N, C-alpha and C. Protein backbone atom coordinates (compact mmCIF):
# COMPACT_ATOMS: atom_id res chain seq x y z
N MET A 1 0.86 -1.20 0.00
CA MET A 1 0.00 0.00 0.00
C MET A 1 0.89 1.24 0.00
N ASN A 2 0.70 2.17 -0.98
CA ASN A 2 1.56 3.34 -1.03
C ASN A 2 1.21 4.35 0.05
N ARG A 3 2.14 5.30 0.23
CA ARG A 3 2.01 6.26 1.32
C ARG A 3 0.77 7.13 1.17
N PHE A 4 0.46 7.49 -0.06
CA PHE A 4 -0.71 8.34 -0.31
C PHE A 4 -1.99 7.63 0.12
N LEU A 5 -2.11 6.35 -0.23
CA LEU A 5 -3.31 5.60 0.12
C LEU A 5 -3.43 5.42 1.62
N LYS A 6 -2.30 5.15 2.28
CA LYS A 6 -2.31 5.00 3.74
C LYS A 6 -2.81 6.27 4.41
N SER A 7 -2.30 7.41 3.95
CA SER A 7 -2.72 8.68 4.54
C SER A 7 -4.19 8.95 4.30
N ALA A 8 -4.65 8.63 3.10
CA ALA A 8 -6.06 8.85 2.78
C ALA A 8 -6.95 8.01 3.67
N LEU A 9 -6.54 6.75 3.91
CA LEU A 9 -7.33 5.88 4.78
C LEU A 9 -7.34 6.40 6.21
N THR A 10 -6.20 6.90 6.66
CA THR A 10 -6.12 7.46 8.02
C THR A 10 -7.09 8.62 8.19
N VAL A 11 -7.09 9.52 7.20
CA VAL A 11 -8.01 10.65 7.25
C VAL A 11 -9.45 10.17 7.23
N GLY A 12 -9.73 9.19 6.38
CA GLY A 12 -11.10 8.66 6.29
C GLY A 12 -11.58 8.08 7.60
N TYR A 13 -10.72 7.29 8.25
CA TYR A 13 -11.09 6.71 9.54
C TYR A 13 -11.32 7.80 10.58
N GLY A 14 -10.45 8.80 10.55
CA GLY A 14 -10.58 9.89 11.52
C GLY A 14 -11.86 10.66 11.35
N LEU A 15 -12.19 10.97 10.09
CA LEU A 15 -13.42 11.71 9.84
C LEU A 15 -14.65 10.88 10.20
N ALA A 16 -14.59 9.58 9.94
CA ALA A 16 -15.71 8.71 10.30
C ALA A 16 -15.89 8.68 11.81
N PHE A 17 -14.77 8.67 12.55
CA PHE A 17 -14.84 8.67 14.01
C PHE A 17 -15.49 9.95 14.52
N LEU A 18 -15.03 11.09 13.97
CA LEU A 18 -15.58 12.37 14.40
C LEU A 18 -17.06 12.46 14.07
N ALA A 19 -17.46 11.94 12.91
CA ALA A 19 -18.88 11.98 12.54
C ALA A 19 -19.70 11.13 13.49
N ALA A 20 -19.15 10.00 13.91
CA ALA A 20 -19.90 9.11 14.80
C ALA A 20 -20.16 9.75 16.15
N THR A 21 -19.22 10.61 16.60
CA THR A 21 -19.40 11.23 17.91
C THR A 21 -20.56 12.21 17.92
N SER A 22 -20.96 12.71 16.74
CA SER A 22 -22.02 13.71 16.71
C SER A 22 -23.32 13.17 16.14
N ALA A 23 -23.44 11.85 15.98
CA ALA A 23 -24.68 11.28 15.46
C ALA A 23 -25.83 11.61 16.39
N HIS A 24 -26.91 12.09 15.86
CA HIS A 24 -28.12 12.47 16.59
C HIS A 24 -27.96 13.78 17.36
N ALA A 25 -26.78 14.35 17.39
CA ALA A 25 -26.57 15.54 18.22
C ALA A 25 -27.35 16.71 17.66
N SER A 26 -27.93 17.48 18.57
CA SER A 26 -28.60 18.70 18.19
C SER A 26 -27.83 19.90 18.74
N TYR A 27 -27.50 19.84 20.02
CA TYR A 27 -26.85 20.97 20.68
C TYR A 27 -26.03 20.46 21.85
N ILE A 28 -24.81 20.95 22.01
CA ILE A 28 -23.99 20.63 23.18
C ILE A 28 -23.96 21.86 24.07
N ASP A 29 -24.46 21.71 25.30
CA ASP A 29 -24.60 22.87 26.18
C ASP A 29 -23.31 23.19 26.92
N SER A 30 -23.34 24.23 27.74
CA SER A 30 -22.15 24.70 28.43
C SER A 30 -21.66 23.72 29.49
N ASN A 31 -22.47 22.73 29.84
CA ASN A 31 -22.06 21.70 30.79
C ASN A 31 -21.52 20.45 30.09
N GLY A 32 -21.38 20.51 28.78
CA GLY A 32 -20.86 19.38 28.03
C GLY A 32 -21.88 18.29 27.79
N LEU A 33 -23.16 18.63 27.88
CA LEU A 33 -24.21 17.66 27.61
C LEU A 33 -24.67 17.79 26.16
N GLU A 34 -24.78 16.67 25.50
CA GLU A 34 -25.20 16.61 24.11
C GLU A 34 -26.70 16.32 24.07
N TRP A 35 -27.48 17.27 23.58
CA TRP A 35 -28.93 17.13 23.52
C TRP A 35 -29.34 16.54 22.18
N ARG A 36 -30.21 15.56 22.26
CA ARG A 36 -30.64 14.87 21.04
C ARG A 36 -31.62 15.72 20.26
N ASP A 37 -31.50 15.67 18.93
CA ASP A 37 -32.44 16.37 18.06
C ASP A 37 -33.85 15.85 18.35
N LEU A 38 -34.77 16.77 18.59
CA LEU A 38 -36.14 16.38 18.95
C LEU A 38 -36.84 15.58 17.85
N THR A 39 -36.43 15.79 16.62
CA THR A 39 -37.08 15.07 15.53
C THR A 39 -36.78 13.57 15.58
N ASP A 40 -35.69 13.18 16.24
CA ASP A 40 -35.34 11.75 16.33
C ASP A 40 -36.41 10.95 17.06
N THR A 41 -37.05 11.58 18.04
CA THR A 41 -38.00 10.85 18.91
C THR A 41 -39.43 11.36 18.75
N ALA A 42 -39.71 12.00 17.62
CA ALA A 42 -40.97 12.72 17.47
C ALA A 42 -42.22 11.85 17.46
N GLU A 43 -42.08 10.55 17.23
CA GLU A 43 -43.28 9.71 17.18
C GLU A 43 -43.35 8.70 18.33
N ILE A 44 -42.51 8.88 19.34
CA ILE A 44 -42.50 7.96 20.47
C ILE A 44 -43.52 8.41 21.52
N ILE A 45 -44.39 7.50 21.93
CA ILE A 45 -45.36 7.80 22.98
C ILE A 45 -44.62 7.93 24.31
N PRO A 46 -44.88 8.99 25.09
CA PRO A 46 -44.18 9.16 26.37
C PRO A 46 -44.25 7.95 27.29
N ASN A 47 -45.39 7.28 27.35
CA ASN A 47 -45.50 6.09 28.19
C ASN A 47 -44.54 4.99 27.75
N SER A 48 -44.32 4.87 26.45
CA SER A 48 -43.39 3.87 25.94
C SER A 48 -41.95 4.24 26.28
N LEU A 49 -41.64 5.52 26.20
CA LEU A 49 -40.30 5.97 26.58
C LEU A 49 -40.07 5.75 28.07
N ASP A 50 -41.09 6.00 28.86
CA ASP A 50 -40.99 5.79 30.30
C ASP A 50 -40.65 4.34 30.62
N SER A 51 -41.21 3.42 29.86
CA SER A 51 -40.95 2.00 30.07
C SER A 51 -39.51 1.62 29.72
N ALA A 52 -38.89 2.41 28.83
CA ALA A 52 -37.52 2.10 28.38
C ALA A 52 -36.46 2.76 29.25
N CYS A 53 -36.87 3.59 30.21
CA CYS A 53 -35.92 4.35 31.01
C CYS A 53 -35.95 3.91 32.47
N ASP A 54 -34.78 3.89 33.11
CA ASP A 54 -34.68 3.51 34.51
C ASP A 54 -35.42 4.51 35.39
N ASP A 55 -36.12 4.02 36.40
CA ASP A 55 -36.94 4.88 37.25
C ASP A 55 -36.13 5.77 38.18
N THR A 56 -34.85 5.45 38.37
CA THR A 56 -34.01 6.23 39.27
C THR A 56 -33.02 7.12 38.52
N THR A 57 -32.29 6.52 37.58
CA THR A 57 -31.28 7.28 36.84
C THR A 57 -31.84 7.93 35.58
N PHE A 58 -32.95 7.39 35.09
CA PHE A 58 -33.61 7.85 33.87
C PHE A 58 -32.75 7.62 32.62
N VAL A 59 -31.74 6.76 32.76
CA VAL A 59 -30.98 6.32 31.60
C VAL A 59 -31.82 5.31 30.83
N CYS A 60 -31.91 5.48 29.53
CA CYS A 60 -32.79 4.64 28.71
C CYS A 60 -31.97 3.58 27.97
N SER A 61 -32.65 2.52 27.57
CA SER A 61 -31.97 1.44 26.86
C SER A 61 -32.92 0.80 25.86
N GLY A 62 -32.33 0.15 24.86
CA GLY A 62 -33.12 -0.56 23.87
C GLY A 62 -33.67 0.34 22.78
N ASP A 63 -34.64 -0.20 22.04
CA ASP A 63 -35.29 0.53 20.95
C ASP A 63 -36.75 0.79 21.31
N VAL A 64 -37.24 1.95 20.91
CA VAL A 64 -38.65 2.29 21.04
C VAL A 64 -39.13 2.69 19.64
N LEU A 65 -40.07 1.94 19.10
CA LEU A 65 -40.53 2.17 17.73
C LEU A 65 -39.36 2.18 16.75
N SER A 66 -38.44 1.22 16.95
CA SER A 66 -37.24 1.07 16.10
C SER A 66 -36.27 2.23 16.22
N VAL A 67 -36.44 3.07 17.23
CA VAL A 67 -35.52 4.18 17.50
C VAL A 67 -34.66 3.80 18.71
N SER A 68 -33.35 3.79 18.55
CA SER A 68 -32.47 3.44 19.66
C SER A 68 -32.41 4.59 20.67
N VAL A 69 -32.62 4.26 21.94
CA VAL A 69 -32.50 5.25 23.01
C VAL A 69 -31.38 4.84 23.97
N ASP A 70 -30.54 3.91 23.56
CA ASP A 70 -29.46 3.40 24.40
C ASP A 70 -28.53 4.52 24.88
N GLY A 71 -28.36 4.62 26.19
CA GLY A 71 -27.41 5.56 26.76
C GLY A 71 -27.90 6.99 26.88
N TRP A 72 -29.10 7.27 26.39
CA TRP A 72 -29.65 8.62 26.49
C TRP A 72 -30.43 8.76 27.80
N ILE A 73 -30.37 9.94 28.39
CA ILE A 73 -31.08 10.23 29.63
C ILE A 73 -32.28 11.11 29.31
N TRP A 74 -33.44 10.71 29.79
CA TRP A 74 -34.66 11.51 29.60
C TRP A 74 -34.61 12.67 30.58
N ALA A 75 -34.66 13.89 30.06
CA ALA A 75 -34.43 15.08 30.87
C ALA A 75 -35.61 15.44 31.75
N SER A 76 -35.31 16.06 32.89
CA SER A 76 -36.34 16.63 33.76
C SER A 76 -36.74 17.99 33.22
N ILE A 77 -37.87 18.50 33.67
CA ILE A 77 -38.30 19.83 33.21
C ILE A 77 -37.35 20.91 33.73
N THR A 78 -36.72 20.68 34.88
CA THR A 78 -35.72 21.62 35.39
C THR A 78 -34.53 21.70 34.43
N GLU A 79 -34.09 20.55 33.93
CA GLU A 79 -32.98 20.53 32.98
C GLU A 79 -33.39 21.16 31.66
N VAL A 80 -34.62 20.95 31.26
CA VAL A 80 -35.12 21.56 30.02
C VAL A 80 -35.17 23.08 30.17
N ARG A 81 -35.61 23.55 31.33
CA ARG A 81 -35.65 25.00 31.56
C ARG A 81 -34.25 25.60 31.52
N SER A 82 -33.28 24.89 32.07
CA SER A 82 -31.90 25.36 32.02
C SER A 82 -31.40 25.41 30.58
N LEU A 83 -31.72 24.39 29.80
CA LEU A 83 -31.33 24.36 28.39
C LEU A 83 -31.96 25.52 27.62
N LEU A 84 -33.26 25.72 27.81
CA LEU A 84 -33.94 26.79 27.07
C LEU A 84 -33.46 28.17 27.52
N SER A 85 -33.10 28.31 28.79
CA SER A 85 -32.54 29.57 29.26
C SER A 85 -31.23 29.86 28.54
N GLU A 86 -30.40 28.82 28.38
CA GLU A 86 -29.12 29.00 27.70
C GLU A 86 -29.32 29.34 26.23
N LEU A 87 -30.26 28.67 25.59
CA LEU A 87 -30.48 28.88 24.16
C LEU A 87 -31.12 30.22 23.84
N THR A 88 -31.99 30.69 24.72
CA THR A 88 -32.74 31.91 24.43
C THR A 88 -32.21 33.15 25.13
N GLY A 89 -31.43 32.95 26.20
CA GLY A 89 -30.97 34.09 26.99
C GLY A 89 -32.04 34.61 27.92
N LEU A 90 -33.15 33.88 28.07
CA LEU A 90 -34.25 34.30 28.93
C LEU A 90 -34.16 33.60 30.28
N ASP A 91 -34.81 34.16 31.27
CA ASP A 91 -34.88 33.53 32.58
C ASP A 91 -36.07 32.57 32.60
N VAL A 92 -35.86 31.40 31.99
CA VAL A 92 -36.93 30.40 31.96
C VAL A 92 -36.80 29.56 33.23
N SER A 93 -37.75 29.69 34.13
CA SER A 93 -37.66 29.03 35.42
C SER A 93 -39.05 28.64 35.90
N VAL A 94 -39.10 28.02 37.08
CA VAL A 94 -40.39 27.60 37.63
C VAL A 94 -41.28 28.80 37.91
N SER A 95 -40.66 29.95 38.21
CA SER A 95 -41.46 31.15 38.48
C SER A 95 -41.75 31.93 37.20
N ASN A 96 -41.08 31.58 36.12
CA ASN A 96 -41.30 32.26 34.85
C ASN A 96 -41.32 31.20 33.74
N PRO A 97 -42.34 30.31 33.77
CA PRO A 97 -42.35 29.17 32.86
C PRO A 97 -42.76 29.48 31.43
N SER A 98 -43.24 30.69 31.18
CA SER A 98 -43.63 31.05 29.82
C SER A 98 -43.20 32.48 29.53
N TYR A 99 -42.87 32.73 28.26
CA TYR A 99 -42.37 34.05 27.88
C TYR A 99 -42.79 34.31 26.44
N ALA A 100 -43.17 35.54 26.16
CA ALA A 100 -43.58 35.92 24.81
C ALA A 100 -42.86 37.19 24.37
N GLU A 101 -42.51 37.24 23.10
CA GLU A 101 -41.85 38.41 22.56
C GLU A 101 -42.13 38.48 21.07
N SER A 102 -42.42 39.65 20.58
CA SER A 102 -42.73 39.82 19.17
C SER A 102 -41.46 39.78 18.33
N ASP A 103 -41.49 38.97 17.25
CA ASP A 103 -40.40 38.93 16.27
C ASP A 103 -39.04 38.77 16.95
N SER A 104 -38.89 37.75 17.77
CA SER A 104 -37.67 37.56 18.55
C SER A 104 -36.52 37.03 17.69
N ALA A 105 -35.30 37.19 18.22
CA ALA A 105 -34.13 36.57 17.60
C ALA A 105 -33.90 35.18 18.17
N TRP A 106 -34.37 34.96 19.43
CA TRP A 106 -34.07 33.70 20.10
C TRP A 106 -34.89 32.52 19.59
N ALA A 107 -36.12 32.77 19.13
CA ALA A 107 -36.96 31.64 18.71
C ALA A 107 -36.38 30.87 17.52
N PRO A 108 -36.05 31.54 16.41
CA PRO A 108 -35.52 30.77 15.28
C PRO A 108 -34.18 30.10 15.58
N SER A 109 -33.32 30.76 16.38
CA SER A 109 -32.02 30.16 16.68
C SER A 109 -32.16 28.95 17.59
N ALA A 110 -33.07 29.04 18.58
CA ALA A 110 -33.29 27.90 19.49
C ALA A 110 -33.87 26.72 18.73
N ILE A 111 -34.82 26.99 17.85
CA ILE A 111 -35.43 25.92 17.06
C ILE A 111 -34.41 25.29 16.12
N GLY A 112 -33.51 26.12 15.60
CA GLY A 112 -32.45 25.58 14.76
C GLY A 112 -31.54 24.64 15.53
N ALA A 113 -31.32 24.91 16.81
CA ALA A 113 -30.46 24.07 17.64
C ALA A 113 -31.14 22.79 18.08
N LEU A 114 -32.45 22.83 18.30
CA LEU A 114 -33.17 21.69 18.87
C LEU A 114 -33.82 20.79 17.82
N GLY A 115 -34.07 21.33 16.64
CA GLY A 115 -34.81 20.58 15.62
C GLY A 115 -36.28 20.96 15.65
N ALA A 116 -36.86 21.18 14.49
CA ALA A 116 -38.26 21.59 14.42
C ALA A 116 -39.17 20.38 14.42
N THR A 117 -40.06 20.30 15.41
CA THR A 117 -41.01 19.19 15.48
C THR A 117 -42.40 19.60 15.02
N LEU A 118 -42.61 20.85 14.75
CA LEU A 118 -43.89 21.31 14.20
C LEU A 118 -43.61 22.44 13.21
N ILE A 119 -44.13 22.29 12.00
CA ILE A 119 -43.98 23.33 10.98
C ILE A 119 -45.32 23.51 10.28
N THR A 120 -45.84 24.72 10.34
CA THR A 120 -47.02 25.08 9.56
C THR A 120 -46.58 26.16 8.59
N PRO A 121 -46.41 25.82 7.31
CA PRO A 121 -45.86 26.78 6.35
C PRO A 121 -46.55 28.13 6.39
N GLY A 122 -45.75 29.17 6.53
CA GLY A 122 -46.28 30.52 6.53
C GLY A 122 -46.91 30.95 7.83
N THR A 123 -46.92 30.08 8.83
CA THR A 123 -47.58 30.42 10.09
C THR A 123 -46.65 30.29 11.28
N VAL A 124 -46.12 29.08 11.51
CA VAL A 124 -45.32 28.85 12.72
C VAL A 124 -44.36 27.67 12.51
N THR A 125 -43.20 27.79 13.15
CA THR A 125 -42.24 26.69 13.28
C THR A 125 -41.96 26.54 14.77
N ALA A 126 -41.90 25.31 15.25
CA ALA A 126 -41.74 25.11 16.69
C ALA A 126 -40.90 23.89 17.01
N SER A 127 -40.22 23.95 18.16
CA SER A 127 -39.58 22.79 18.77
C SER A 127 -40.37 22.43 20.01
N ILE A 128 -40.92 21.21 20.04
CA ILE A 128 -41.76 20.79 21.16
C ILE A 128 -41.25 19.45 21.66
N GLY A 129 -40.96 19.35 22.95
CA GLY A 129 -40.47 18.10 23.51
C GLY A 129 -41.00 17.85 24.90
N VAL A 130 -41.18 16.58 25.23
CA VAL A 130 -41.72 16.21 26.53
C VAL A 130 -40.57 15.86 27.48
N SER A 131 -40.73 16.22 28.76
CA SER A 131 -39.76 15.87 29.79
C SER A 131 -40.24 14.62 30.52
N ARG A 132 -39.43 14.13 31.46
CA ARG A 132 -39.80 12.92 32.20
C ARG A 132 -40.73 13.21 33.37
N ASP A 133 -40.92 14.50 33.70
CA ASP A 133 -41.71 14.86 34.88
C ASP A 133 -43.20 14.67 34.61
N TYR A 134 -43.81 13.85 35.43
CA TYR A 134 -45.22 13.50 35.27
C TYR A 134 -46.06 14.16 36.36
N SER A 135 -47.13 14.82 35.93
CA SER A 135 -48.06 15.44 36.87
C SER A 135 -49.27 14.54 37.04
N VAL A 136 -49.40 13.95 38.23
CA VAL A 136 -50.54 13.06 38.49
C VAL A 136 -51.84 13.85 38.43
N ALA A 137 -51.81 15.06 38.99
CA ALA A 137 -53.02 15.89 39.02
C ALA A 137 -53.50 16.23 37.61
N ALA A 138 -52.54 16.54 36.73
CA ALA A 138 -52.91 16.92 35.36
C ALA A 138 -52.97 15.72 34.42
N GLY A 139 -52.45 14.59 34.85
CA GLY A 139 -52.50 13.38 34.03
C GLY A 139 -51.64 13.43 32.79
N GLY A 140 -50.43 13.99 32.92
CA GLY A 140 -49.55 14.05 31.76
C GLY A 140 -48.16 14.51 32.12
N TYR A 141 -47.28 14.56 31.11
CA TYR A 141 -45.89 14.96 31.27
C TYR A 141 -45.72 16.44 30.93
N LEU A 142 -44.82 17.11 31.65
CA LEU A 142 -44.53 18.51 31.36
C LEU A 142 -43.69 18.62 30.10
N LYS A 143 -44.00 19.63 29.28
CA LYS A 143 -43.30 19.83 28.01
C LYS A 143 -42.48 21.12 28.04
N GLY A 144 -41.49 21.15 27.18
CA GLY A 144 -40.78 22.38 26.87
C GLY A 144 -41.04 22.72 25.41
N GLU A 145 -41.29 23.99 25.13
CA GLU A 145 -41.64 24.39 23.76
C GLU A 145 -41.05 25.75 23.42
N VAL A 146 -40.63 25.89 22.17
CA VAL A 146 -40.25 27.19 21.62
C VAL A 146 -41.01 27.36 20.32
N TRP A 147 -41.77 28.44 20.21
CA TRP A 147 -42.60 28.70 19.03
C TRP A 147 -42.11 29.97 18.33
N ASP A 148 -41.97 29.85 17.01
CA ASP A 148 -41.55 30.98 16.19
C ASP A 148 -42.67 31.31 15.19
N TYR A 149 -43.47 32.28 15.54
CA TYR A 149 -44.59 32.70 14.67
C TYR A 149 -44.12 33.75 13.67
N VAL A 150 -44.79 33.78 12.52
CA VAL A 150 -44.53 34.88 11.60
C VAL A 150 -45.14 36.15 12.20
N THR A 151 -44.55 37.29 11.87
CA THR A 151 -45.08 38.55 12.40
C THR A 151 -46.51 38.76 11.93
N PRO A 152 -47.39 39.36 12.69
CA PRO A 152 -47.11 40.10 13.94
C PRO A 152 -47.35 39.29 15.21
N ARG A 153 -47.45 37.95 15.13
CA ARG A 153 -47.68 37.15 16.32
C ARG A 153 -46.44 37.11 17.20
N ASP A 154 -46.64 36.99 18.51
CA ASP A 154 -45.52 36.84 19.44
C ASP A 154 -44.89 35.46 19.31
N ASP A 155 -43.57 35.40 19.53
CA ASP A 155 -42.88 34.12 19.70
C ASP A 155 -43.00 33.71 21.17
N PHE A 156 -42.96 32.40 21.43
CA PHE A 156 -43.21 31.92 22.79
C PHE A 156 -42.19 30.88 23.24
N VAL A 157 -41.93 30.88 24.55
CA VAL A 157 -41.30 29.76 25.25
C VAL A 157 -42.30 29.29 26.29
N TYR A 158 -42.55 27.98 26.33
CA TYR A 158 -43.43 27.39 27.35
C TYR A 158 -42.69 26.24 28.04
N THR A 159 -42.83 26.14 29.35
CA THR A 159 -42.32 24.96 30.06
C THR A 159 -43.32 24.50 31.12
N ASP A 160 -44.59 24.78 30.89
CA ASP A 160 -45.61 24.38 31.87
C ASP A 160 -46.83 23.74 31.19
N ARG A 161 -46.66 23.31 29.94
CA ARG A 161 -47.75 22.64 29.24
C ARG A 161 -47.72 21.14 29.55
N ILE A 162 -48.83 20.46 29.33
CA ILE A 162 -48.96 19.04 29.66
C ILE A 162 -49.13 18.20 28.40
N MET A 163 -48.45 17.06 28.36
CA MET A 163 -48.58 16.11 27.26
C MET A 163 -49.12 14.78 27.81
N PRO A 164 -50.33 14.37 27.43
CA PRO A 164 -50.84 13.06 27.88
C PRO A 164 -49.90 11.93 27.47
N GLY A 165 -49.68 10.99 28.38
CA GLY A 165 -48.68 9.96 28.14
C GLY A 165 -48.99 8.98 27.04
N GLN A 166 -50.26 8.81 26.69
CA GLN A 166 -50.63 7.80 25.71
C GLN A 166 -50.82 8.37 24.31
N ILE A 167 -50.68 9.66 24.14
CA ILE A 167 -50.91 10.29 22.83
C ILE A 167 -49.70 10.10 21.92
N ASP A 168 -49.95 9.60 20.71
CA ASP A 168 -48.91 9.45 19.70
C ASP A 168 -49.01 10.64 18.76
N ASP A 169 -48.16 11.62 18.97
CA ASP A 169 -48.23 12.86 18.21
C ASP A 169 -46.89 13.11 17.52
N PRO A 170 -46.84 13.07 16.19
CA PRO A 170 -45.57 13.26 15.49
C PRO A 170 -45.00 14.67 15.61
N ASP A 171 -45.75 15.58 16.23
CA ASP A 171 -45.25 16.93 16.45
C ASP A 171 -44.53 17.07 17.78
N ILE A 172 -44.42 15.98 18.55
CA ILE A 172 -43.82 16.03 19.88
C ILE A 172 -42.60 15.12 19.93
N GLY A 173 -41.45 15.66 20.34
CA GLY A 173 -40.26 14.85 20.56
C GLY A 173 -40.06 14.62 22.04
N ALA A 174 -38.88 14.17 22.42
CA ALA A 174 -38.54 13.97 23.83
C ALA A 174 -37.20 14.62 24.10
N PHE A 175 -37.11 15.38 25.18
CA PHE A 175 -35.84 16.00 25.55
C PHE A 175 -34.95 14.93 26.17
N MET A 176 -33.86 14.59 25.47
CA MET A 176 -32.93 13.58 25.93
C MET A 176 -31.50 14.09 25.75
N TYR A 177 -30.62 13.68 26.67
CA TYR A 177 -29.23 14.12 26.59
C TYR A 177 -28.30 13.00 27.03
N ARG A 178 -27.02 13.19 26.74
CA ARG A 178 -25.96 12.31 27.22
C ARG A 178 -24.68 13.12 27.28
N GLN A 179 -23.67 12.59 27.93
CA GLN A 179 -22.39 13.28 27.96
C GLN A 179 -21.83 13.33 26.55
N ALA A 180 -21.38 14.50 26.14
CA ALA A 180 -20.86 14.64 24.78
C ALA A 180 -19.62 13.79 24.61
N ASN A 181 -19.51 13.12 23.47
CA ASN A 181 -18.34 12.31 23.17
C ASN A 181 -17.25 13.20 22.60
N VAL A 182 -16.21 13.45 23.39
CA VAL A 182 -15.08 14.25 22.92
C VAL A 182 -14.01 13.29 22.42
N PRO A 183 -13.52 13.46 21.19
CA PRO A 183 -12.51 12.55 20.67
C PRO A 183 -11.30 12.48 21.58
N GLU A 184 -10.76 11.27 21.78
CA GLU A 184 -9.55 11.10 22.58
C GLU A 184 -8.39 11.84 21.92
N PRO A 185 -7.44 12.38 22.72
CA PRO A 185 -6.29 13.08 22.14
C PRO A 185 -5.55 12.22 21.12
N SER A 186 -5.44 10.91 21.38
CA SER A 186 -4.75 10.03 20.44
C SER A 186 -5.48 9.97 19.10
N SER A 187 -6.82 10.03 19.14
CA SER A 187 -7.60 9.99 17.90
C SER A 187 -7.41 11.28 17.11
N LEU A 188 -7.38 12.41 17.83
CA LEU A 188 -7.15 13.68 17.16
C LEU A 188 -5.75 13.72 16.57
N ALA A 189 -4.77 13.19 17.32
CA ALA A 189 -3.39 13.16 16.82
C ALA A 189 -3.30 12.31 15.56
N LEU A 190 -4.00 11.19 15.56
CA LEU A 190 -4.02 10.30 14.40
C LEU A 190 -4.59 11.01 13.18
N LEU A 191 -5.68 11.75 13.40
CA LEU A 191 -6.31 12.47 12.30
C LEU A 191 -5.37 13.54 11.75
N LEU A 192 -4.74 14.32 12.65
CA LEU A 192 -3.83 15.38 12.22
C LEU A 192 -2.62 14.79 11.50
N ALA A 193 -2.11 13.67 12.02
CA ALA A 193 -0.98 13.03 11.36
C ALA A 193 -1.36 12.55 9.97
N GLY A 194 -2.58 12.05 9.84
CA GLY A 194 -3.05 11.61 8.54
C GLY A 194 -3.15 12.75 7.55
N VAL A 195 -3.66 13.89 8.02
CA VAL A 195 -3.77 15.06 7.15
C VAL A 195 -2.39 15.52 6.73
N ALA A 196 -1.45 15.59 7.69
CA ALA A 196 -0.09 16.01 7.37
C ALA A 196 0.56 15.04 6.39
N GLY A 197 0.36 13.74 6.63
CA GLY A 197 0.93 12.73 5.75
C GLY A 197 0.37 12.80 4.35
N LEU A 198 -0.90 13.11 4.26
CA LEU A 198 -1.54 13.23 2.96
C LEU A 198 -0.92 14.37 2.16
N GLY A 199 -0.71 15.51 2.83
CA GLY A 199 -0.09 16.65 2.16
C GLY A 199 1.34 16.36 1.74
N PHE A 200 2.09 15.67 2.62
CA PHE A 200 3.48 15.32 2.32
C PHE A 200 3.56 14.39 1.12
N ALA A 201 2.71 13.37 1.11
CA ALA A 201 2.71 12.41 0.01
C ALA A 201 2.36 13.09 -1.31
N ARG A 202 1.44 14.04 -1.24
CA ARG A 202 1.04 14.74 -2.46
C ARG A 202 2.19 15.57 -3.02
N ARG A 203 2.95 16.24 -2.10
CA ARG A 203 4.09 17.05 -2.54
C ARG A 203 5.17 16.17 -3.17
N LYS A 204 5.43 15.02 -2.54
CA LYS A 204 6.45 14.12 -3.07
C LYS A 204 6.08 13.62 -4.46
N ARG A 205 4.80 13.34 -4.65
CA ARG A 205 4.36 12.82 -5.94
C ARG A 205 4.51 13.89 -7.02
N LEU A 206 4.22 15.16 -6.67
CA LEU A 206 4.32 16.25 -7.63
C LEU A 206 5.76 16.53 -8.01
N GLN A 207 6.70 16.25 -7.08
CA GLN A 207 8.11 16.52 -7.35
C GLN A 207 8.73 15.51 -8.31
N LYS A 208 8.09 14.34 -8.44
CA LYS A 208 8.66 13.29 -9.30
C LYS A 208 8.47 13.61 -10.78
């Protein structure tokens, strides 16, 4: 195997590794948590997801509707509020669970980071996801939502809406996260060495 081919394979393996670390990723927050794109889980019934997740750690395993949830943690509404606060710059909290603003900058950017689970052309685009927190009194799970309406409607953040556990709604995802996979230093070194080797081999070939 010539040097050029070896270097090309090294780069290919490295790029494949880096791509694998970001599969399903939507947004990595300031705590190093990788949030799953809401569209990945948009057709999973909350009750089914609850059955796939540990009751104490909330780490999920297996497949739900042929969607792998292995290693993902179903987020609490507190964690969702923290995420939405970071994405929007708003004080989204238990005392301020909803917020409205006309023609905001935060709504489209937050939806871009989370994945759009509801789109009505010319009217509204939204990211809607259910948390693991269940309200017995209300008979459902608490949701986090960001809505981006066309003007002159207000854009909204909600974290106090309820999602019935048995409803199969393709407009609803699930807020799930895991520790972000950061490539090992040795893997990064291998990739950089491959890139350098590729350039060196190319120069040598041109000199012949």
